[in-house]
Amino acid sequence: MTLELIPALLVNSEEHALVQVTKLGDYSGWIQIDILDGTLNRFSAFSDPDALGLLLPQNPIELHLMVSDPLLHMKEWQRVLTPSQSKRAIWHIEAMVDHGGLIEYCLNNNWQCGLAIGPNTKIEALRPYLDRVNEILVLGVHPGQSGQQLIPKTLDTVRALKQHPGRQFVIGFDGGINGQNILDVKAAGAERFCLASAIFKAVSPTNTIGHLSQKLGIQ
């Protein structure tokens, strides 16, 4: 499968979002919006779809929904995204929701869909849905804050997912990735790499995207 590097936007205000998006220059690829509302865990982030939709009118948008009601946020974003924008919703297997119903919503509304799994959740929780989603996003850190160190055991989750018979889903990895470990994450079997602080805290985020893409062998 094709490898992808995806900047992850975890911001605390509209002004912060503007600063981060400006750092990306003319980047036109996928951008992940981290959505936290304090319901699935204690963290919150700015994720107003009207404001962010104006800042990112052309980019394909991936929502990482660290919330207890993913459908509420998906419907808000459905309203603002343009028909030409590709869109992907990824919510947590830890959320107490009707996962099958959310998958159906995605299928009926032109969303790609995925499930995220936290560091302490066993892979067995995902098994009923592995043949129904486009992506499994493995979190290399506990969700909520960027800049954490990668938890090594999460690479075992990637390795196990890679062995799923007849696998059709993409394996994503989010959290703790940097220039020193990104090839280890790739070797474990990840195909999408979501990075926040490694990109946005760099002197030149665009150069960092280029360097890390080259390191992964992404053209």
N, C-alpha and C. Protein backbone atom coordinates (compact mmCIF):
# COMPACT_ATOMS: atom_id res chain seq x y z
N MET A 1 0.83 -1.20 0.00
CA MET A 1 0.00 0.00 0.00
C MET A 1 0.88 1.26 0.00
N THR A 2 0.35 2.34 -0.54
CA THR A 2 1.09 3.60 -0.62
C THR A 2 1.28 4.20 0.77
N LEU A 3 2.49 4.65 1.04
CA LEU A 3 2.77 5.31 2.32
C LEU A 3 2.35 6.77 2.26
N GLU A 4 1.88 7.28 3.42
CA GLU A 4 1.47 8.69 3.51
C GLU A 4 1.98 9.29 4.81
N LEU A 5 2.38 10.54 4.75
CA LEU A 5 2.73 11.31 5.93
C LEU A 5 1.69 12.41 6.09
N ILE A 6 1.07 12.49 7.27
CA ILE A 6 -0.06 13.40 7.46
C ILE A 6 0.21 14.33 8.64
N PRO A 7 0.28 15.64 8.42
CA PRO A 7 0.37 16.58 9.54
C PRO A 7 -0.90 16.54 10.39
N ALA A 8 -0.71 16.55 11.71
CA ALA A 8 -1.85 16.51 12.63
C ALA A 8 -1.98 17.85 13.34
N LEU A 9 -3.17 18.43 13.24
CA LEU A 9 -3.42 19.77 13.79
C LEU A 9 -4.12 19.64 15.14
N LEU A 10 -3.36 19.88 16.22
CA LEU A 10 -3.90 19.89 17.58
C LEU A 10 -3.68 21.28 18.13
N VAL A 11 -4.76 22.10 18.16
CA VAL A 11 -4.62 23.52 18.46
C VAL A 11 -5.58 23.93 19.57
N ASN A 12 -5.28 25.07 20.20
CA ASN A 12 -6.10 25.52 21.33
C ASN A 12 -6.94 26.75 21.02
N SER A 13 -6.82 27.29 19.79
CA SER A 13 -7.60 28.47 19.44
C SER A 13 -7.58 28.64 17.92
N GLU A 14 -8.46 29.53 17.43
CA GLU A 14 -8.46 29.83 16.00
C GLU A 14 -7.14 30.48 15.59
N GLU A 15 -6.60 31.34 16.46
CA GLU A 15 -5.33 32.00 16.16
C GLU A 15 -4.20 30.97 16.06
N HIS A 16 -4.20 30.02 16.97
CA HIS A 16 -3.20 28.96 16.96
C HIS A 16 -3.32 28.14 15.67
N ALA A 17 -4.55 27.86 15.26
CA ALA A 17 -4.77 27.12 14.02
C ALA A 17 -4.21 27.88 12.82
N LEU A 18 -4.44 29.19 12.78
CA LEU A 18 -3.95 30.01 11.67
C LEU A 18 -2.43 29.96 11.60
N VAL A 19 -1.77 30.05 12.76
CA VAL A 19 -0.31 29.99 12.80
C VAL A 19 0.19 28.66 12.25
N GLN A 20 -0.44 27.56 12.69
CA GLN A 20 0.02 26.24 12.25
C GLN A 20 -0.23 26.01 10.76
N VAL A 21 -1.40 26.38 10.30
CA VAL A 21 -1.72 26.20 8.88
C VAL A 21 -0.78 27.04 8.01
N THR A 22 -0.48 28.26 8.46
CA THR A 22 0.44 29.12 7.71
C THR A 22 1.81 28.47 7.58
N LYS A 23 2.24 27.76 8.61
CA LYS A 23 3.53 27.08 8.57
C LYS A 23 3.61 26.03 7.47
N LEU A 24 2.46 25.51 7.06
CA LEU A 24 2.44 24.45 6.05
C LEU A 24 2.59 25.00 4.63
N GLY A 25 2.53 26.31 4.46
CA GLY A 25 2.70 26.90 3.15
C GLY A 25 1.66 26.41 2.16
N ASP A 26 2.13 25.93 1.00
CA ASP A 26 1.19 25.49 -0.02
C ASP A 26 0.94 23.98 0.02
N TYR A 27 1.17 23.37 1.18
CA TYR A 27 0.91 21.94 1.35
C TYR A 27 -0.55 21.63 1.01
N SER A 28 -0.76 20.64 0.15
CA SER A 28 -2.11 20.36 -0.33
C SER A 28 -2.60 18.95 -0.02
N GLY A 29 -1.84 18.23 0.80
CA GLY A 29 -2.21 16.85 1.11
C GLY A 29 -3.19 16.74 2.28
N TRP A 30 -3.36 15.51 2.74
CA TRP A 30 -4.24 15.25 3.88
C TRP A 30 -3.76 15.98 5.12
N ILE A 31 -4.71 16.50 5.89
CA ILE A 31 -4.44 17.08 7.20
C ILE A 31 -5.39 16.43 8.21
N GLN A 32 -4.81 16.01 9.31
CA GLN A 32 -5.63 15.45 10.39
C GLN A 32 -6.01 16.55 11.37
N ILE A 33 -7.29 16.63 11.68
CA ILE A 33 -7.79 17.54 12.71
C ILE A 33 -8.05 16.73 13.98
N ASP A 34 -7.33 17.04 15.04
CA ASP A 34 -7.55 16.35 16.31
C ASP A 34 -8.70 17.02 17.04
N ILE A 35 -9.74 16.24 17.30
CA ILE A 35 -10.95 16.77 17.94
C ILE A 35 -11.10 16.15 19.32
N LEU A 36 -10.99 16.99 20.33
CA LEU A 36 -11.16 16.57 21.73
C LEU A 36 -12.12 17.54 22.40
N ASP A 37 -13.13 17.00 23.07
CA ASP A 37 -14.10 17.88 23.73
C ASP A 37 -14.24 17.61 25.22
N GLY A 38 -13.26 16.87 25.78
CA GLY A 38 -13.27 16.60 27.21
C GLY A 38 -14.23 15.50 27.64
N THR A 39 -14.82 14.78 26.69
CA THR A 39 -15.80 13.75 27.06
C THR A 39 -15.21 12.34 27.07
N LEU A 40 -14.32 12.03 26.13
CA LEU A 40 -13.70 10.70 26.11
C LEU A 40 -12.49 10.65 27.03
N ASN A 41 -11.81 11.78 27.15
CA ASN A 41 -10.74 11.94 28.13
C ASN A 41 -10.81 13.38 28.64
N ARG A 42 -9.86 13.79 29.44
CA ARG A 42 -9.97 15.10 30.11
C ARG A 42 -9.47 16.26 29.25
N PHE A 43 -9.01 15.99 28.05
CA PHE A 43 -8.41 17.03 27.22
C PHE A 43 -9.42 17.63 26.24
N SER A 44 -9.18 18.88 25.91
CA SER A 44 -10.00 19.57 24.91
C SER A 44 -9.09 20.27 23.92
N ALA A 45 -9.63 20.57 22.74
CA ALA A 45 -8.87 21.28 21.71
C ALA A 45 -9.84 22.11 20.88
N PHE A 46 -9.31 23.10 20.19
CA PHE A 46 -10.13 23.92 19.30
C PHE A 46 -10.34 23.15 18.00
N SER A 47 -11.60 23.00 17.61
CA SER A 47 -11.87 22.24 16.38
C SER A 47 -13.13 22.74 15.68
N ASP A 48 -13.40 24.04 15.79
CA ASP A 48 -14.61 24.60 15.18
C ASP A 48 -14.59 24.38 13.67
N PRO A 49 -15.55 23.66 13.12
CA PRO A 49 -15.51 23.34 11.68
C PRO A 49 -15.66 24.56 10.79
N ASP A 50 -16.41 25.55 11.20
CA ASP A 50 -16.57 26.75 10.37
C ASP A 50 -15.24 27.48 10.21
N ALA A 51 -14.52 27.66 11.31
CA ALA A 51 -13.25 28.37 11.26
C ALA A 51 -12.19 27.54 10.53
N LEU A 52 -12.07 26.27 10.88
CA LEU A 52 -11.04 25.44 10.27
C LEU A 52 -11.35 25.13 8.81
N GLY A 53 -12.63 25.04 8.50
CA GLY A 53 -13.01 24.82 7.11
C GLY A 53 -12.59 25.95 6.21
N LEU A 54 -12.64 27.17 6.73
CA LEU A 54 -12.18 28.33 5.94
C LEU A 54 -10.67 28.33 5.76
N LEU A 55 -9.95 27.84 6.77
CA LEU A 55 -8.49 27.79 6.69
C LEU A 55 -8.01 26.68 5.76
N LEU A 56 -8.82 25.64 5.61
CA LEU A 56 -8.41 24.47 4.84
C LEU A 56 -9.48 24.12 3.80
N PRO A 57 -9.69 25.01 2.83
CA PRO A 57 -10.80 24.81 1.89
C PRO A 57 -10.53 23.76 0.82
N GLN A 58 -9.27 23.36 0.63
CA GLN A 58 -8.92 22.45 -0.45
C GLN A 58 -8.37 21.11 0.04
N ASN A 59 -7.77 21.11 1.22
CA ASN A 59 -7.09 19.89 1.68
C ASN A 59 -8.08 18.76 1.96
N PRO A 60 -7.71 17.54 1.65
CA PRO A 60 -8.46 16.40 2.19
C PRO A 60 -8.37 16.44 3.72
N ILE A 61 -9.48 16.17 4.39
CA ILE A 61 -9.56 16.33 5.83
C ILE A 61 -9.80 14.99 6.51
N GLU A 62 -8.95 14.70 7.50
CA GLU A 62 -9.11 13.51 8.34
C GLU A 62 -9.45 13.97 9.75
N LEU A 63 -10.57 13.53 10.28
CA LEU A 63 -10.95 13.86 11.65
C LEU A 63 -10.53 12.74 12.58
N HIS A 64 -9.71 13.08 13.56
CA HIS A 64 -9.38 12.11 14.62
C HIS A 64 -10.26 12.46 15.81
N LEU A 65 -11.32 11.68 15.98
CA LEU A 65 -12.40 12.01 16.90
C LEU A 65 -12.18 11.36 18.26
N MET A 66 -11.50 12.09 19.14
CA MET A 66 -11.27 11.61 20.50
C MET A 66 -12.39 12.12 21.39
N VAL A 67 -13.61 11.67 21.08
CA VAL A 67 -14.83 12.19 21.69
C VAL A 67 -15.78 11.02 21.95
N SER A 68 -16.78 11.27 22.79
CA SER A 68 -17.75 10.22 23.11
C SER A 68 -18.90 10.17 22.12
N ASP A 69 -19.09 11.22 21.31
CA ASP A 69 -20.18 11.26 20.32
C ASP A 69 -19.61 11.65 18.96
N PRO A 70 -18.95 10.72 18.28
CA PRO A 70 -18.33 11.06 16.99
C PRO A 70 -19.33 11.55 15.95
N LEU A 71 -20.53 11.01 15.95
CA LEU A 71 -21.51 11.37 14.92
C LEU A 71 -21.86 12.85 14.97
N LEU A 72 -21.97 13.41 16.16
CA LEU A 72 -22.26 14.83 16.31
C LEU A 72 -21.24 15.68 15.56
N HIS A 73 -19.97 15.38 15.74
CA HIS A 73 -18.91 16.16 15.10
C HIS A 73 -18.85 15.87 13.60
N MET A 74 -19.09 14.64 13.20
CA MET A 74 -19.07 14.31 11.78
C MET A 74 -20.15 15.08 11.03
N LYS A 75 -21.33 15.20 11.62
CA LYS A 75 -22.41 15.95 10.97
C LYS A 75 -22.06 17.43 10.87
N GLU A 76 -21.39 17.99 11.89
CA GLU A 76 -20.98 19.39 11.82
C GLU A 76 -19.98 19.61 10.68
N TRP A 77 -19.05 18.69 10.52
CA TRP A 77 -18.06 18.82 9.46
C TRP A 77 -18.66 18.51 8.09
N GLN A 78 -19.62 17.62 8.05
CA GLN A 78 -20.30 17.31 6.80
C GLN A 78 -20.92 18.57 6.20
N ARG A 79 -21.36 19.45 7.07
CA ARG A 79 -22.01 20.69 6.66
C ARG A 79 -21.04 21.66 5.99
N VAL A 80 -19.77 21.69 6.41
CA VAL A 80 -18.85 22.72 5.94
C VAL A 80 -17.88 22.24 4.86
N LEU A 81 -17.65 20.95 4.78
CA LEU A 81 -16.71 20.47 3.77
C LEU A 81 -17.32 20.56 2.38
N THR A 82 -16.50 20.91 1.41
CA THR A 82 -16.99 21.07 0.05
C THR A 82 -17.13 19.70 -0.62
N PRO A 83 -17.98 19.60 -1.64
CA PRO A 83 -18.15 18.31 -2.32
C PRO A 83 -16.87 17.75 -2.90
N SER A 84 -15.91 18.62 -3.22
CA SER A 84 -14.66 18.15 -3.83
C SER A 84 -13.64 17.66 -2.81
N GLN A 85 -13.87 17.92 -1.52
CA GLN A 85 -12.90 17.53 -0.51
C GLN A 85 -13.08 16.07 -0.10
N SER A 86 -11.99 15.32 -0.14
CA SER A 86 -12.03 13.97 0.42
C SER A 86 -12.09 14.09 1.94
N LYS A 87 -12.76 13.14 2.57
CA LYS A 87 -12.92 13.22 4.02
C LYS A 87 -12.86 11.83 4.64
N ARG A 88 -12.27 11.80 5.83
CA ARG A 88 -12.10 10.55 6.55
C ARG A 88 -12.39 10.78 8.02
N ALA A 89 -13.16 9.92 8.63
CA ALA A 89 -13.47 10.02 10.06
C ALA A 89 -12.89 8.81 10.78
N ILE A 90 -12.13 9.07 11.83
CA ILE A 90 -11.55 8.01 12.65
C ILE A 90 -11.95 8.26 14.09
N TRP A 91 -12.65 7.32 14.67
CA TRP A 91 -13.08 7.45 16.07
C TRP A 91 -12.51 6.29 16.88
N HIS A 92 -12.64 6.37 18.19
CA HIS A 92 -11.96 5.41 19.07
C HIS A 92 -12.83 4.20 19.39
N ILE A 93 -12.19 3.05 19.33
CA ILE A 93 -12.87 1.82 19.73
C ILE A 93 -13.25 1.88 21.21
N GLU A 94 -12.56 2.73 21.97
CA GLU A 94 -12.88 2.87 23.40
C GLU A 94 -14.17 3.65 23.64
N ALA A 95 -14.66 4.37 22.65
CA ALA A 95 -15.91 5.13 22.81
C ALA A 95 -17.09 4.16 22.87
N MET A 96 -18.01 4.41 23.77
CA MET A 96 -19.19 3.55 23.94
C MET A 96 -20.26 3.99 22.95
N VAL A 97 -20.08 3.61 21.70
CA VAL A 97 -20.97 4.02 20.62
C VAL A 97 -21.31 2.80 19.76
N ASP A 98 -22.26 2.99 18.86
CA ASP A 98 -22.63 1.96 17.90
C ASP A 98 -21.65 2.04 16.73
N HIS A 99 -20.57 1.30 16.81
CA HIS A 99 -19.53 1.38 15.78
C HIS A 99 -20.08 0.96 14.42
N GLY A 100 -20.90 -0.06 14.40
CA GLY A 100 -21.49 -0.49 13.14
C GLY A 100 -22.35 0.60 12.52
N GLY A 101 -23.12 1.30 13.35
CA GLY A 101 -23.95 2.39 12.84
C GLY A 101 -23.13 3.54 12.29
N LEU A 102 -22.00 3.85 12.93
CA LEU A 102 -21.13 4.91 12.43
C LEU A 102 -20.48 4.51 11.10
N ILE A 103 -20.12 3.25 10.98
CA ILE A 103 -19.57 2.78 9.71
C ILE A 103 -20.60 2.94 8.60
N GLU A 104 -21.86 2.62 8.88
CA GLU A 104 -22.92 2.77 7.89
C GLU A 104 -23.11 4.24 7.52
N TYR A 105 -23.05 5.13 8.51
CA TYR A 105 -23.17 6.56 8.23
C TYR A 105 -22.08 6.99 7.25
N CYS A 106 -20.85 6.52 7.49
CA CYS A 106 -19.74 6.88 6.60
C CYS A 106 -19.99 6.37 5.19
N LEU A 107 -20.43 5.14 5.07
CA LEU A 107 -20.68 4.56 3.75
C LEU A 107 -21.76 5.34 3.00
N ASN A 108 -22.75 5.81 3.74
CA ASN A 108 -23.89 6.50 3.11
C ASN A 108 -23.62 7.98 2.84
N ASN A 109 -22.52 8.52 3.40
CA ASN A 109 -22.26 9.96 3.26
C ASN A 109 -20.87 10.26 2.69
N ASN A 110 -20.31 9.28 2.01
CA ASN A 110 -19.07 9.48 1.26
C ASN A 110 -17.87 9.80 2.16
N TRP A 111 -17.86 9.20 3.36
CA TRP A 111 -16.70 9.31 4.24
C TRP A 111 -15.89 8.02 4.18
N GLN A 112 -14.58 8.13 4.13
CA GLN A 112 -13.75 7.00 4.53
C GLN A 112 -13.87 6.87 6.04
N CYS A 113 -13.69 5.67 6.57
CA CYS A 113 -13.87 5.51 8.01
C CYS A 113 -12.75 4.66 8.60
N GLY A 114 -12.49 4.92 9.86
CA GLY A 114 -11.46 4.17 10.56
C GLY A 114 -11.71 4.11 12.05
N LEU A 115 -11.03 3.20 12.69
CA LEU A 115 -11.08 3.08 14.15
C LEU A 115 -9.70 3.30 14.72
N ALA A 116 -9.62 4.04 15.81
CA ALA A 116 -8.37 4.26 16.52
C ALA A 116 -8.35 3.38 17.76
N ILE A 117 -7.14 2.98 18.15
CA ILE A 117 -6.99 2.13 19.33
C ILE A 117 -5.88 2.70 20.21
N GLY A 118 -6.20 2.89 21.49
CA GLY A 118 -5.24 3.44 22.44
C GLY A 118 -4.23 2.41 22.90
N PRO A 119 -3.16 2.86 23.56
CA PRO A 119 -2.06 1.97 23.95
C PRO A 119 -2.46 0.83 24.87
N ASN A 120 -3.48 1.01 25.69
CA ASN A 120 -3.84 -0.02 26.68
C ASN A 120 -5.02 -0.89 26.27
N THR A 121 -5.49 -0.74 25.03
CA THR A 121 -6.63 -1.51 24.56
C THR A 121 -6.15 -2.71 23.76
N LYS A 122 -6.74 -3.87 24.02
CA LYS A 122 -6.34 -5.08 23.32
C LYS A 122 -6.95 -5.11 21.92
N ILE A 123 -6.21 -5.69 20.99
CA ILE A 123 -6.60 -5.71 19.60
C ILE A 123 -7.91 -6.46 19.38
N GLU A 124 -8.27 -7.35 20.30
CA GLU A 124 -9.50 -8.12 20.16
C GLU A 124 -10.73 -7.23 20.06
N ALA A 125 -10.67 -6.03 20.64
CA ALA A 125 -11.81 -5.11 20.58
C ALA A 125 -12.10 -4.69 19.15
N LEU A 126 -11.10 -4.71 18.29
CA LEU A 126 -11.26 -4.27 16.91
C LEU A 126 -11.80 -5.36 15.98
N ARG A 127 -11.65 -6.60 16.36
CA ARG A 127 -11.84 -7.71 15.41
C ARG A 127 -13.20 -7.72 14.72
N PRO A 128 -14.32 -7.35 15.38
CA PRO A 128 -15.60 -7.37 14.66
C PRO A 128 -15.68 -6.38 13.50
N TYR A 129 -14.75 -5.43 13.45
CA TYR A 129 -14.86 -4.34 12.47
C TYR A 129 -13.72 -4.31 11.46
N LEU A 130 -12.75 -5.20 11.58
CA LEU A 130 -11.54 -5.12 10.76
C LEU A 130 -11.83 -5.25 9.26
N ASP A 131 -12.88 -5.94 8.91
CA ASP A 131 -13.20 -6.10 7.50
C ASP A 131 -14.19 -5.08 6.99
N ARG A 132 -14.49 -4.06 7.83
CA ARG A 132 -15.51 -3.08 7.46
C ARG A 132 -15.00 -1.64 7.42
N VAL A 133 -13.75 -1.44 7.82
CA VAL A 133 -13.22 -0.08 7.88
C VAL A 133 -12.06 0.09 6.91
N ASN A 134 -11.77 1.35 6.58
CA ASN A 134 -10.67 1.67 5.66
C ASN A 134 -9.33 1.73 6.37
N GLU A 135 -9.35 2.03 7.68
CA GLU A 135 -8.09 2.24 8.39
C GLU A 135 -8.24 1.86 9.85
N ILE A 136 -7.14 1.35 10.41
CA ILE A 136 -6.98 1.25 11.85
C ILE A 136 -5.83 2.18 12.23
N LEU A 137 -6.10 3.11 13.14
CA LEU A 137 -5.10 4.07 13.58
C LEU A 137 -4.61 3.65 14.97
N VAL A 138 -3.36 3.24 15.03
CA VAL A 138 -2.75 2.83 16.30
C VAL A 138 -2.14 4.06 16.96
N LEU A 139 -2.52 4.31 18.21
CA LEU A 139 -1.94 5.44 18.93
C LEU A 139 -0.67 4.99 19.64
N GLY A 140 0.42 5.70 19.36
CA GLY A 140 1.69 5.39 19.99
C GLY A 140 1.86 6.04 21.34
N VAL A 141 0.89 6.87 21.73
CA VAL A 141 0.89 7.57 23.02
C VAL A 141 -0.53 7.57 23.56
N HIS A 142 -0.68 8.00 24.79
CA HIS A 142 -2.03 8.18 25.34
C HIS A 142 -2.64 9.43 24.71
N PRO A 143 -3.89 9.35 24.24
CA PRO A 143 -4.47 10.44 23.47
C PRO A 143 -4.64 11.71 24.29
N GLY A 144 -4.43 12.85 23.59
CA GLY A 144 -4.76 14.13 24.20
C GLY A 144 -3.69 15.20 24.12
N GLN A 145 -2.41 14.82 24.10
CA GLN A 145 -1.35 15.82 24.10
C GLN A 145 -0.27 15.43 23.11
N SER A 146 0.22 16.40 22.35
CA SER A 146 1.33 16.13 21.44
C SER A 146 2.65 16.25 22.19
N GLY A 147 3.71 15.72 21.58
CA GLY A 147 5.04 15.83 22.18
C GLY A 147 5.41 14.71 23.13
N GLN A 148 4.56 13.68 23.25
CA GLN A 148 4.87 12.56 24.14
C GLN A 148 5.84 11.59 23.46
N GLN A 149 6.49 10.77 24.28
CA GLN A 149 7.38 9.75 23.75
C GLN A 149 6.59 8.52 23.34
N LEU A 150 6.99 7.90 22.24
CA LEU A 150 6.32 6.71 21.73
C LEU A 150 6.43 5.58 22.75
N ILE A 151 5.30 4.90 22.96
CA ILE A 151 5.24 3.75 23.85
C ILE A 151 5.60 2.50 23.03
N PRO A 152 6.72 1.84 23.32
CA PRO A 152 7.21 0.76 22.45
C PRO A 152 6.21 -0.36 22.18
N LYS A 153 5.40 -0.73 23.19
CA LYS A 153 4.49 -1.87 22.99
C LYS A 153 3.44 -1.60 21.92
N THR A 154 3.22 -0.33 21.57
CA THR A 154 2.21 -0.05 20.54
C THR A 154 2.66 -0.53 19.16
N LEU A 155 3.96 -0.70 18.96
CA LEU A 155 4.44 -1.25 17.70
C LEU A 155 4.06 -2.73 17.57
N ASP A 156 3.87 -3.41 18.70
CA ASP A 156 3.39 -4.80 18.66
C ASP A 156 1.97 -4.85 18.12
N THR A 157 1.17 -3.84 18.43
CA THR A 157 -0.18 -3.77 17.89
C THR A 157 -0.14 -3.63 16.37
N VAL A 158 0.77 -2.80 15.87
CA VAL A 158 0.94 -2.65 14.43
C VAL A 158 1.33 -3.98 13.80
N ARG A 159 2.27 -4.66 14.40
CA ARG A 159 2.73 -5.95 13.86
C ARG A 159 1.59 -6.97 13.82
N ALA A 160 0.77 -6.99 14.86
CA ALA A 160 -0.35 -7.93 14.90
C ALA A 160 -1.38 -7.60 13.83
N LEU A 161 -1.68 -6.32 13.64
CA LEU A 161 -2.64 -5.92 12.62
C LEU A 161 -2.14 -6.27 11.22
N LYS A 162 -0.84 -6.15 11.03
CA LYS A 162 -0.26 -6.46 9.72
C LYS A 162 -0.49 -7.91 9.32
N GLN A 163 -0.65 -8.77 10.33
CA GLN A 163 -0.83 -10.20 10.07
C GLN A 163 -2.29 -10.60 9.87
N HIS A 164 -3.21 -9.65 9.92
CA HIS A 164 -4.63 -9.99 9.77
C HIS A 164 -4.88 -10.63 8.41
N PRO A 165 -5.49 -11.81 8.37
CA PRO A 165 -5.69 -12.51 7.09
C PRO A 165 -6.52 -11.69 6.11
N GLY A 166 -6.03 -11.58 4.87
CA GLY A 166 -6.77 -10.86 3.84
C GLY A 166 -6.94 -9.38 4.13
N ARG A 167 -6.01 -8.80 4.84
CA ARG A 167 -6.15 -7.41 5.28
C ARG A 167 -6.39 -6.46 4.12
N GLN A 168 -7.44 -5.63 4.27
CA GLN A 168 -7.76 -4.59 3.29
C GLN A 168 -7.60 -3.19 3.88
N PHE A 169 -7.56 -3.07 5.20
CA PHE A 169 -7.46 -1.76 5.84
C PHE A 169 -6.01 -1.27 5.87
N VAL A 170 -5.88 0.05 5.87
CA VAL A 170 -4.58 0.70 6.03
C VAL A 170 -4.25 0.77 7.52
N ILE A 171 -2.99 0.60 7.84
CA ILE A 171 -2.54 0.75 9.23
C ILE A 171 -1.92 2.13 9.39
N GLY A 172 -2.54 2.95 10.22
CA GLY A 172 -2.01 4.27 10.54
C GLY A 172 -1.36 4.26 11.90
N PHE A 173 -0.49 5.22 12.15
CA PHE A 173 0.17 5.35 13.45
C PHE A 173 0.23 6.83 13.81
N ASP A 174 -0.10 7.13 15.05
CA ASP A 174 -0.24 8.52 15.48
C ASP A 174 0.32 8.66 16.89
N GLY A 175 1.32 9.53 17.03
CA GLY A 175 1.82 9.84 18.36
C GLY A 175 3.24 9.36 18.60
N GLY A 176 4.11 10.28 18.97
CA GLY A 176 5.47 9.92 19.35
C GLY A 176 6.41 9.71 18.19
N ILE A 177 5.95 9.94 16.96
CA ILE A 177 6.82 9.72 15.80
C ILE A 177 7.78 10.91 15.63
N ASN A 178 9.04 10.60 15.36
CA ASN A 178 10.02 11.64 15.06
C ASN A 178 11.03 11.08 14.05
N GLY A 179 12.01 11.89 13.69
CA GLY A 179 12.98 11.48 12.69
C GLY A 179 13.82 10.29 13.11
N GLN A 180 13.95 10.06 14.42
CA GLN A 180 14.77 8.97 14.91
C GLN A 180 14.04 7.62 14.89
N ASN A 181 12.71 7.63 15.01
CA ASN A 181 12.00 6.34 15.12
C ASN A 181 11.04 6.07 13.96
N ILE A 182 10.93 6.98 13.01
CA ILE A 182 9.91 6.81 11.98
C ILE A 182 10.13 5.56 11.14
N LEU A 183 11.39 5.19 10.94
CA LEU A 183 11.66 3.98 10.16
C LEU A 183 11.35 2.72 10.96
N ASP A 184 11.43 2.79 12.29
CA ASP A 184 11.01 1.66 13.13
C ASP A 184 9.50 1.46 13.02
N VAL A 185 8.77 2.58 12.98
CA VAL A 185 7.31 2.50 12.85
C VAL A 185 6.95 1.92 11.48
N LYS A 186 7.69 2.33 10.46
CA LYS A 186 7.46 1.77 9.13
C LYS A 186 7.77 0.28 9.10
N ALA A 187 8.87 -0.11 9.71
CA ALA A 187 9.28 -1.52 9.70
C ALA A 187 8.25 -2.40 10.41
N ALA A 188 7.58 -1.84 11.41
CA ALA A 188 6.56 -2.61 12.13
C ALA A 188 5.35 -2.89 11.24
N GLY A 189 5.12 -2.01 10.24
CA GLY A 189 4.01 -2.24 9.33
C GLY A 189 3.09 -1.06 9.12
N ALA A 190 3.39 0.08 9.71
CA ALA A 190 2.53 1.26 9.51
C ALA A 190 2.67 1.80 8.10
N GLU A 191 1.57 2.36 7.60
CA GLU A 191 1.53 2.90 6.24
C GLU A 191 1.13 4.37 6.19
N ARG A 192 0.45 4.85 7.23
CA ARG A 192 0.17 6.27 7.38
C ARG A 192 0.80 6.75 8.67
N PHE A 193 1.44 7.91 8.60
CA PHE A 193 2.20 8.42 9.73
C PHE A 193 1.68 9.81 10.06
N CYS A 194 1.05 9.96 11.22
CA CYS A 194 0.49 11.24 11.64
C CYS A 194 1.44 11.89 12.64
N LEU A 195 1.86 13.11 12.33
CA LEU A 195 2.82 13.82 13.16
C LEU A 195 2.32 15.22 13.47
N ALA A 196 2.48 15.62 14.72
CA ALA A 196 2.11 16.97 15.14
C ALA A 196 3.37 17.75 15.52
N SER A 197 3.89 17.52 16.73
CA SER A 197 5.00 18.33 17.22
C SER A 197 6.26 18.17 16.38
N ALA A 198 6.50 16.97 15.83
CA ALA A 198 7.70 16.77 15.01
C ALA A 198 7.69 17.66 13.78
N ILE A 199 6.52 18.04 13.32
CA ILE A 199 6.40 18.95 12.17
C ILE A 199 6.30 20.39 12.62
N PHE A 200 5.33 20.68 13.50
CA PHE A 200 5.01 22.08 13.79
C PHE A 200 6.00 22.76 14.73
N LYS A 201 6.83 21.98 15.45
CA LYS A 201 7.85 22.58 16.29
C LYS A 201 9.20 22.67 15.58
N ALA A 202 9.24 22.19 14.34
CA ALA A 202 10.47 22.27 13.57
C ALA A 202 10.72 23.70 13.10
N VAL A 203 11.98 24.02 12.83
CA VAL A 203 12.32 25.35 12.31
C VAL A 203 11.61 25.59 10.98
N SER A 204 11.57 24.56 10.14
CA SER A 204 10.87 24.65 8.86
C SER A 204 9.97 23.43 8.70
N PRO A 205 8.70 23.57 9.04
CA PRO A 205 7.78 22.43 8.90
C PRO A 205 7.73 21.86 7.49
N THR A 206 7.77 22.71 6.48
CA THR A 206 7.69 22.19 5.11
C THR A 206 8.94 21.38 4.76
N ASN A 207 10.11 21.84 5.19
CA ASN A 207 11.33 21.07 4.96
C ASN A 207 11.30 19.75 5.73
N THR A 208 10.74 19.78 6.92
CA THR A 208 10.64 18.56 7.72
C THR A 208 9.73 17.54 7.06
N ILE A 209 8.60 18.00 6.53
CA ILE A 209 7.71 17.10 5.80
C ILE A 209 8.45 16.47 4.62
N GLY A 210 9.20 17.30 3.89
CA GLY A 210 9.96 16.79 2.76
C GLY A 210 11.03 15.80 3.16
N HIS A 211 11.75 16.12 4.24
CA HIS A 211 12.83 15.24 4.71
C HIS A 211 12.28 13.90 5.18
N LEU A 212 11.22 13.93 5.98
CA LEU A 212 10.66 12.69 6.51
C LEU A 212 10.00 11.87 5.40
N SER A 213 9.39 12.56 4.44
CA SER A 213 8.80 11.85 3.30
C SER A 213 9.89 11.13 2.51
N GLN A 214 11.00 11.80 2.31
CA GLN A 214 12.13 11.19 1.58
C GLN A 214 12.67 10.01 2.37
N LYS A 215 12.72 10.14 3.68
CA LYS A 215 13.22 9.05 4.53
C LYS A 215 12.34 7.82 4.42
N LEU A 216 11.03 8.04 4.28
CA LEU A 216 10.08 6.94 4.13
C LEU A 216 10.05 6.37 2.72
N GLY A 217 10.63 7.11 1.78
CA GLY A 217 10.57 6.68 0.39
C GLY A 217 9.32 7.14 -0.32
N ILE A 218 8.67 8.19 0.23
CA ILE A 218 7.48 8.76 -0.40
C ILE A 218 7.92 9.75 -1.45
N GLN A 219 7.40 9.61 -2.65
CA GLN A 219 7.77 10.50 -3.75
C GLN A 219 7.01 11.82 -3.65
